[in-house]
Amino acid sequence: MPFLIADDLDAREKRIMGFLEEREPVIAILLAAADFERTVRRAILGLSTEPTKKIRKKLATEYGAINKYPCAWQRFVTPRLKRVLALTSASGDEPTKLHEPVLTDFASIRKAFKLRNELIHGDHGTVGVEYASERVKTLLDATRAVTEYAQANDVDLIKRLKPRPRPRPRKQS
């Protein structure tokens, strides 16, 4: 069965977990990380009211930079929906009723992305199934949390995102 981005969340999870069962943990961690990153980016695009072009330009510099996604979310999504993506230790954020995080264990997501980066850049040649399983599960749970949050706000991340009208220049009087 091929791995298709257009598959629903359950099908993608099943396929990623299948790589662990097939004793291909490197593929599982890479796909789980890619799926998470794609989901967060699409959620930012879908949940924001900013022009898509502006958001894409900002996100273009942030591929694989896991620590930048909470900042992008805060800039583009939080003003409208009053939820942050995650609390980051660097920001010193404290949870509040209005800014409850969508992702509650961002430290584990960072660890999973650290492994992803080490695999991609050749610092690790391979990884054991047990070690990868924990990180894959972390990423799949985070992907599900973001997907469900988007769905609760009427954004389906599988379908084509609704276009937003471009801001029109103001007439000067």
C-alpha atoms as a PDB file:
ATOM      1  CA  MET A   1       0.000   0.000   0.000  1.00  0.00           C
ATOM      2  CA  PRO A   2       1.546   3.364  -0.987  1.00  0.00           C
ATOM      3  CA  PHE A   3       1.762   6.285   1.417  1.00  0.00           C
ATOM      4  CA  LEU A   4      -0.383   9.075   0.044  1.00  0.00           C
ATOM      5  CA  ILE A   5      -0.708  12.534   1.548  1.00  0.00           C
ATOM      6  CA  ALA A   6      -4.385  12.575   0.503  1.00  0.00           C
ATOM      7  CA  ASP A   7      -5.089   9.530   2.687  1.00  0.00           C
ATOM      8  CA  ASP A   8      -7.107  10.197   5.800  1.00  0.00           C
ATOM      9  CA  LEU A   9      -5.389  10.387   9.172  1.00  0.00           C
ATOM     10  CA  ASP A  10      -6.129   6.775  10.148  1.00  0.00           C
ATOM     11  CA  ALA A  11      -4.756   5.406   6.865  1.00  0.00           C
ATOM     12  CA  ARG A  12      -1.556   7.449   7.205  1.00  0.00           C
ATOM     13  CA  GLU A  13      -1.097   6.313  10.817  1.00  0.00           C
ATOM     14  CA  LYS A  14      -1.664   2.686   9.843  1.00  0.00           C
ATOM     15  CA  ARG A  15       0.880   2.886   7.033  1.00  0.00           C
ATOM     16  CA  ILE A  16       3.498   4.596   9.213  1.00  0.00           C
ATOM     17  CA  MET A  17       3.013   2.029  11.986  1.00  0.00           C
ATOM     18  CA  GLY A  18       3.296  -0.688   9.328  1.00  0.00           C
ATOM     19  CA  PHE A  19       6.898   0.366   8.716  1.00  0.00           C
ATOM     20  CA  LEU A  20       7.643  -0.282  12.377  1.00  0.00           C
ATOM     21  CA  GLU A  21       6.029  -3.717  12.119  1.00  0.00           C
ATOM     22  CA  GLU A  22       8.099  -4.378   8.978  1.00  0.00           C
ATOM     23  CA  ARG A  23      11.214  -3.481  10.996  1.00  0.00           C
ATOM     24  CA  GLU A  24      11.820  -0.291   9.011  1.00  0.00           C
ATOM     25  CA  PRO A  25      11.993   2.226  11.874  1.00  0.00           C
ATOM     26  CA  VAL A  26      13.964   4.841   9.933  1.00  0.00           C
ATOM     27  CA  ILE A  27      11.222   5.099   7.312  1.00  0.00           C
ATOM     28  CA  ALA A  28       8.574   5.246  10.046  1.00  0.00           C
ATOM     29  CA  ILE A  29      10.235   8.146  11.883  1.00  0.00           C
ATOM     30  CA  LEU A  30      10.874  10.085   8.670  1.00  0.00           C
ATOM     31  CA  LEU A  31       7.288   9.674   7.465  1.00  0.00           C
ATOM     32  CA  ALA A  32       5.831  10.515  10.888  1.00  0.00           C
ATOM     33  CA  ALA A  33       7.944  13.692  11.051  1.00  0.00           C
ATOM     34  CA  ALA A  34       7.006  14.707   7.504  1.00  0.00           C
ATOM     35  CA  ASP A  35       3.336  14.053   8.202  1.00  0.00           C
ATOM     36  CA  PHE A  36       3.453  16.132  11.393  1.00  0.00           C
ATOM     37  CA  GLU A  37       5.246  19.009   9.711  1.00  0.00           C
ATOM     38  CA  ARG A  38       2.830  19.016   6.760  1.00  0.00           C
ATOM     39  CA  THR A  39      -0.150  18.901   9.130  1.00  0.00           C
ATOM     40  CA  VAL A  40       1.059  21.853  11.218  1.00  0.00           C
ATOM     41  CA  ARG A  41       1.811  23.926   8.112  1.00  0.00           C
ATOM     42  CA  ARG A  42      -1.614  23.198   6.589  1.00  0.00           C
ATOM     43  CA  ALA A  43      -3.299  23.952   9.919  1.00  0.00           C
ATOM     44  CA  ILE A  44      -1.564  27.332  10.102  1.00  0.00           C
ATOM     45  CA  LEU A  45      -2.663  28.080   6.531  1.00  0.00           C
ATOM     46  CA  GLY A  46      -6.228  26.900   7.123  1.00  0.00           C
ATOM     47  CA  LEU A  47      -6.833  28.455  10.532  1.00  0.00           C
ATOM     48  CA  SER A  48      -5.333  31.863   9.842  1.00  0.00           C
ATOM     49  CA  THR A  49      -7.129  34.807   8.298  1.00  0.00           C
ATOM     50  CA  GLU A  50      -3.911  36.192   6.805  1.00  0.00           C
ATOM     51  CA  PRO A  51      -3.312  35.940   3.046  1.00  0.00           C
ATOM     52  CA  THR A  52      -1.979  32.505   2.085  1.00  0.00           C
ATOM     53  CA  LYS A  53       0.900  34.012   0.115  1.00  0.00           C
ATOM     54  CA  LYS A  54       2.121  35.909   3.186  1.00  0.00           C
ATOM     55  CA  ILE A  55       1.993  32.787   5.373  1.00  0.00           C
ATOM     56  CA  ARG A  56       3.702  30.581   2.774  1.00  0.00           C
ATOM     57  CA  LYS A  57       6.513  33.119   2.443  1.00  0.00           C
ATOM     58  CA  LYS A  58       7.037  33.124   6.213  1.00  0.00           C
ATOM     59  CA  LEU A  59       6.884  29.324   6.464  1.00  0.00           C
ATOM     60  CA  ALA A  60       9.259  28.812   3.520  1.00  0.00           C
ATOM     61  CA  THR A  61      12.209  29.517   5.784  1.00  0.00           C
ATOM     62  CA  GLU A  62      11.087  27.102   8.482  1.00  0.00           C
ATOM     63  CA  TYR A  63      11.226  23.607   6.978  1.00  0.00           C
ATOM     64  CA  GLY A  64      12.485  21.179   9.601  1.00  0.00           C
ATOM     65  CA  ALA A  65      12.871  23.958  12.165  1.00  0.00           C
ATOM     66  CA  ILE A  66      10.502  22.506  14.733  1.00  0.00           C
ATOM     67  CA  ASN A  67      11.015  25.339  17.227  1.00  0.00           C
ATOM     68  CA  LYS A  68       9.738  27.933  14.743  1.00  0.00           C
ATOM     69  CA  TYR A  69       6.281  26.432  14.279  1.00  0.00           C
ATOM     70  CA  PRO A  70       4.911  27.588  17.661  1.00  0.00           C
ATOM     71  CA  CYS A  71       5.996  31.145  16.780  1.00  0.00           C
ATOM     72  CA  ALA A  72       4.363  30.971  13.348  1.00  0.00           C
ATOM     73  CA  TRP A  73       1.195  29.546  14.919  1.00  0.00           C
ATOM     74  CA  GLN A  74       1.168  32.330  17.515  1.00  0.00           C
ATOM     75  CA  ARG A  75       1.569  34.950  14.807  1.00  0.00           C
ATOM     76  CA  PHE A  76      -1.050  33.612  12.387  1.00  0.00           C
ATOM     77  CA  VAL A  77      -3.525  31.467  14.383  1.00  0.00           C
ATOM     78  CA  THR A  78      -3.536  32.577  18.031  1.00  0.00           C
ATOM     79  CA  PRO A  79      -4.937  36.086  17.395  1.00  0.00           C
ATOM     80  CA  ARG A  80      -8.067  34.519  15.877  1.00  0.00           C
ATOM     81  CA  LEU A  81      -8.551  31.358  17.967  1.00  0.00           C
ATOM     82  CA  LYS A  82      -6.764  32.230  21.233  1.00  0.00           C
ATOM     83  CA  ARG A  83      -4.853  28.921  21.419  1.00  0.00           C
ATOM     84  CA  VAL A  84      -1.120  28.448  21.097  1.00  0.00           C
ATOM     85  CA  LEU A  85       0.398  25.442  19.353  1.00  0.00           C
ATOM     86  CA  ALA A  86       2.688  24.614  22.258  1.00  0.00           C
ATOM     87  CA  LEU A  87       4.308  26.155  25.262  1.00  0.00           C
ATOM     88  CA  THR A  88       8.005  26.554  24.671  1.00  0.00           C
ATOM     89  CA  SER A  89      10.534  26.747  27.462  1.00  0.00           C
ATOM     90  CA  ALA A  90      12.346  29.598  25.724  1.00  0.00           C
ATOM     91  CA  SER A  91       9.276  31.829  25.745  1.00  0.00           C
ATOM     92  CA  GLY A  92       8.519  31.268  29.407  1.00  0.00           C
ATOM     93  CA  ASP A  93       4.839  30.951  28.537  1.00  0.00           C
ATOM     94  CA  GLU A  94       2.462  29.838  31.217  1.00  0.00           C
ATOM     95  CA  PRO A  95      -0.767  28.093  30.299  1.00  0.00           C
ATOM     96  CA  THR A  96      -3.820  30.280  30.573  1.00  0.00           C
ATOM     97  CA  LYS A  97      -7.455  29.566  29.924  1.00  0.00           C
ATOM     98  CA  LEU A  98      -7.331  31.663  26.745  1.00  0.00           C
ATOM     99  CA  HIS A  99      -4.028  30.327  25.475  1.00  0.00           C
ATOM    100  CA  GLU A 100      -4.229  26.629  26.260  1.00  0.00           C
ATOM    101  CA  PRO A 101      -1.774  24.717  24.051  1.00  0.00           C
ATOM    102  CA  VAL A 102      -2.961  22.365  21.322  1.00  0.00           C
ATOM    103  CA  LEU A 103       0.147  20.224  21.928  1.00  0.00           C
ATOM    104  CA  THR A 104       0.933  19.530  25.568  1.00  0.00           C
ATOM    105  CA  ASP A 105       4.270  17.673  25.265  1.00  0.00           C
ATOM    106  CA  PHE A 106       6.369  19.720  22.897  1.00  0.00           C
ATOM    107  CA  ALA A 107       9.615  18.506  24.494  1.00  0.00           C
ATOM    108  CA  SER A 108       8.916  14.973  23.235  1.00  0.00           C
ATOM    109  CA  ILE A 109       8.139  16.320  19.770  1.00  0.00           C
ATOM    110  CA  ARG A 110      11.516  18.095  19.809  1.00  0.00           C
ATOM    111  CA  LYS A 111      13.219  14.801  20.719  1.00  0.00           C
ATOM    112  CA  ALA A 112      11.496  13.057  17.824  1.00  0.00           C
ATOM    113  CA  PHE A 113      12.615  15.798  15.428  1.00  0.00           C
ATOM    114  CA  LYS A 114      16.145  15.619  16.810  1.00  0.00           C
ATOM    115  CA  LEU A 115      16.178  11.943  15.817  1.00  0.00           C
ATOM    116  CA  ARG A 116      14.686  12.789  12.415  1.00  0.00           C
ATOM    117  CA  ASN A 117      17.419  15.374  11.817  1.00  0.00           C
ATOM    118  CA  GLU A 118      20.153  12.974  12.936  1.00  0.00           C
ATOM    119  CA  LEU A 119      18.852  10.346  10.508  1.00  0.00           C
ATOM    120  CA  ILE A 120      18.503  12.791   7.620  1.00  0.00           C
ATOM    121  CA  HIS A 121      21.958  14.298   8.134  1.00  0.00           C
ATOM    122  CA  GLY A 122      23.744  10.992   8.690  1.00  0.00           C
ATOM    123  CA  ASP A 123      24.517  11.327  12.396  1.00  0.00           C
ATOM    124  CA  HIS A 124      22.608   8.050  12.925  1.00  0.00           C
ATOM    125  CA  GLY A 125      22.791   5.296  10.345  1.00  0.00           C
ATOM    126  CA  THR A 126      19.841   3.447  11.784  1.00  0.00           C
ATOM    127  CA  VAL A 127      17.737   3.180  14.893  1.00  0.00           C
ATOM    128  CA  GLY A 128      16.056   0.346  16.773  1.00  0.00           C
ATOM    129  CA  VAL A 129      12.345  -0.338  16.470  1.00  0.00           C
ATOM    130  CA  GLU A 130      11.696   0.180  20.188  1.00  0.00           C
ATOM    131  CA  TYR A 131      13.541   3.512  20.281  1.00  0.00           C
ATOM    132  CA  ALA A 132      11.794   4.740  17.126  1.00  0.00           C
ATOM    133  CA  SER A 133       8.355   3.507  18.236  1.00  0.00           C
ATOM    134  CA  GLU A 134       8.146   5.961  21.123  1.00  0.00           C
ATOM    135  CA  ARG A 135       9.054   8.895  18.878  1.00  0.00           C
ATOM    136  CA  VAL A 136       6.764   7.783  16.063  1.00  0.00           C
ATOM    137  CA  LYS A 137       3.864   7.516  18.530  1.00  0.00           C
ATOM    138  CA  THR A 138       4.651  11.004  19.848  1.00  0.00           C
ATOM    139  CA  LEU A 139       4.527  12.450  16.332  1.00  0.00           C
ATOM    140  CA  LEU A 140       1.366  10.569  15.361  1.00  0.00           C
ATOM    141  CA  ASP A 141      -0.389  11.722  18.546  1.00  0.00           C
ATOM    142  CA  ALA A 142       0.678  15.313  17.865  1.00  0.00           C
ATOM    143  CA  THR A 143      -0.498  15.083  14.257  1.00  0.00           C
ATOM    144  CA  ARG A 144      -3.863  13.777  15.464  1.00  0.00           C
ATOM    145  CA  ALA A 145      -4.170  16.602  18.024  1.00  0.00           C
ATOM    146  CA  VAL A 146      -3.513  19.288  15.396  1.00  0.00           C
ATOM    147  CA  THR A 147      -5.846  17.610  12.888  1.00  0.00           C
ATOM    148  CA  GLU A 148      -8.662  17.327  15.431  1.00  0.00           C
ATOM    149  CA  TYR A 149      -8.184  20.939  16.505  1.00  0.00           C
ATOM    150  CA  ALA A 150      -8.423  22.073  12.889  1.00  0.00           C
ATOM    151  CA  GLN A 151     -11.547  19.937  12.359  1.00  0.00           C
ATOM    152  CA  ALA A 152     -13.140  21.413  15.492  1.00  0.00           C
ATOM    153  CA  ASN A 153     -12.610  24.806  13.838  1.00  0.00           C
ATOM    154  CA  ASP A 154     -14.139  23.707  10.513  1.00  0.00           C
ATOM    155  CA  VAL A 155     -10.859  23.167   8.645  1.00  0.00           C
ATOM    156  CA  ASP A 156     -10.369  19.809   6.914  1.00  0.00           C
ATOM    157  CA  LEU A 157      -6.641  19.401   6.354  1.00  0.00           C
ATOM    158  CA  ILE A 158      -7.109  16.629   3.783  1.00  0.00           C
ATOM    159  CA  LYS A 159      -9.262  18.667   1.432  1.00  0.00           C
ATOM    160  CA  ARG A 160      -8.215  21.683  -0.553  1.00  0.00           C
ATOM    161  CA  LEU A 161      -8.017  24.662   1.792  1.00  0.00           C
ATOM    162  CA  LYS A 162     -10.499  27.440   1.186  1.00  0.00           C
ATOM    163  CA  PRO A 163      -8.936  30.414  -0.571  1.00  0.00           C
ATOM    164  CA  ARG A 164      -9.050  33.743   1.214  1.00  0.00           C
ATOM    165  CA  PRO A 165      -9.578  36.961  -0.651  1.00  0.00           C
ATOM    166  CA  ARG A 166      -6.484  39.080  -1.052  1.00  0.00           C
ATOM    167  CA  PRO A 167      -6.479  42.259   0.948  1.00  0.00           C
ATOM    168  CA  ARG A 168      -7.348  45.178  -1.247  1.00  0.00           C
ATOM    169  CA  PRO A 169      -5.335  48.349  -1.137  1.00  0.00           C
ATOM    170  CA  ARG A 170      -7.126  51.123   0.686  1.00  0.00           C
ATOM    171  CA  LYS A 171      -8.260  54.072  -1.340  1.00  0.00           C
ATOM    172  CA  GLN A 172      -6.607  57.254  -0.308  1.00  0.00           C
ATOM    173  CA  SER A 173      -8.871  60.249  -0.068  1.00  0.00           C
END
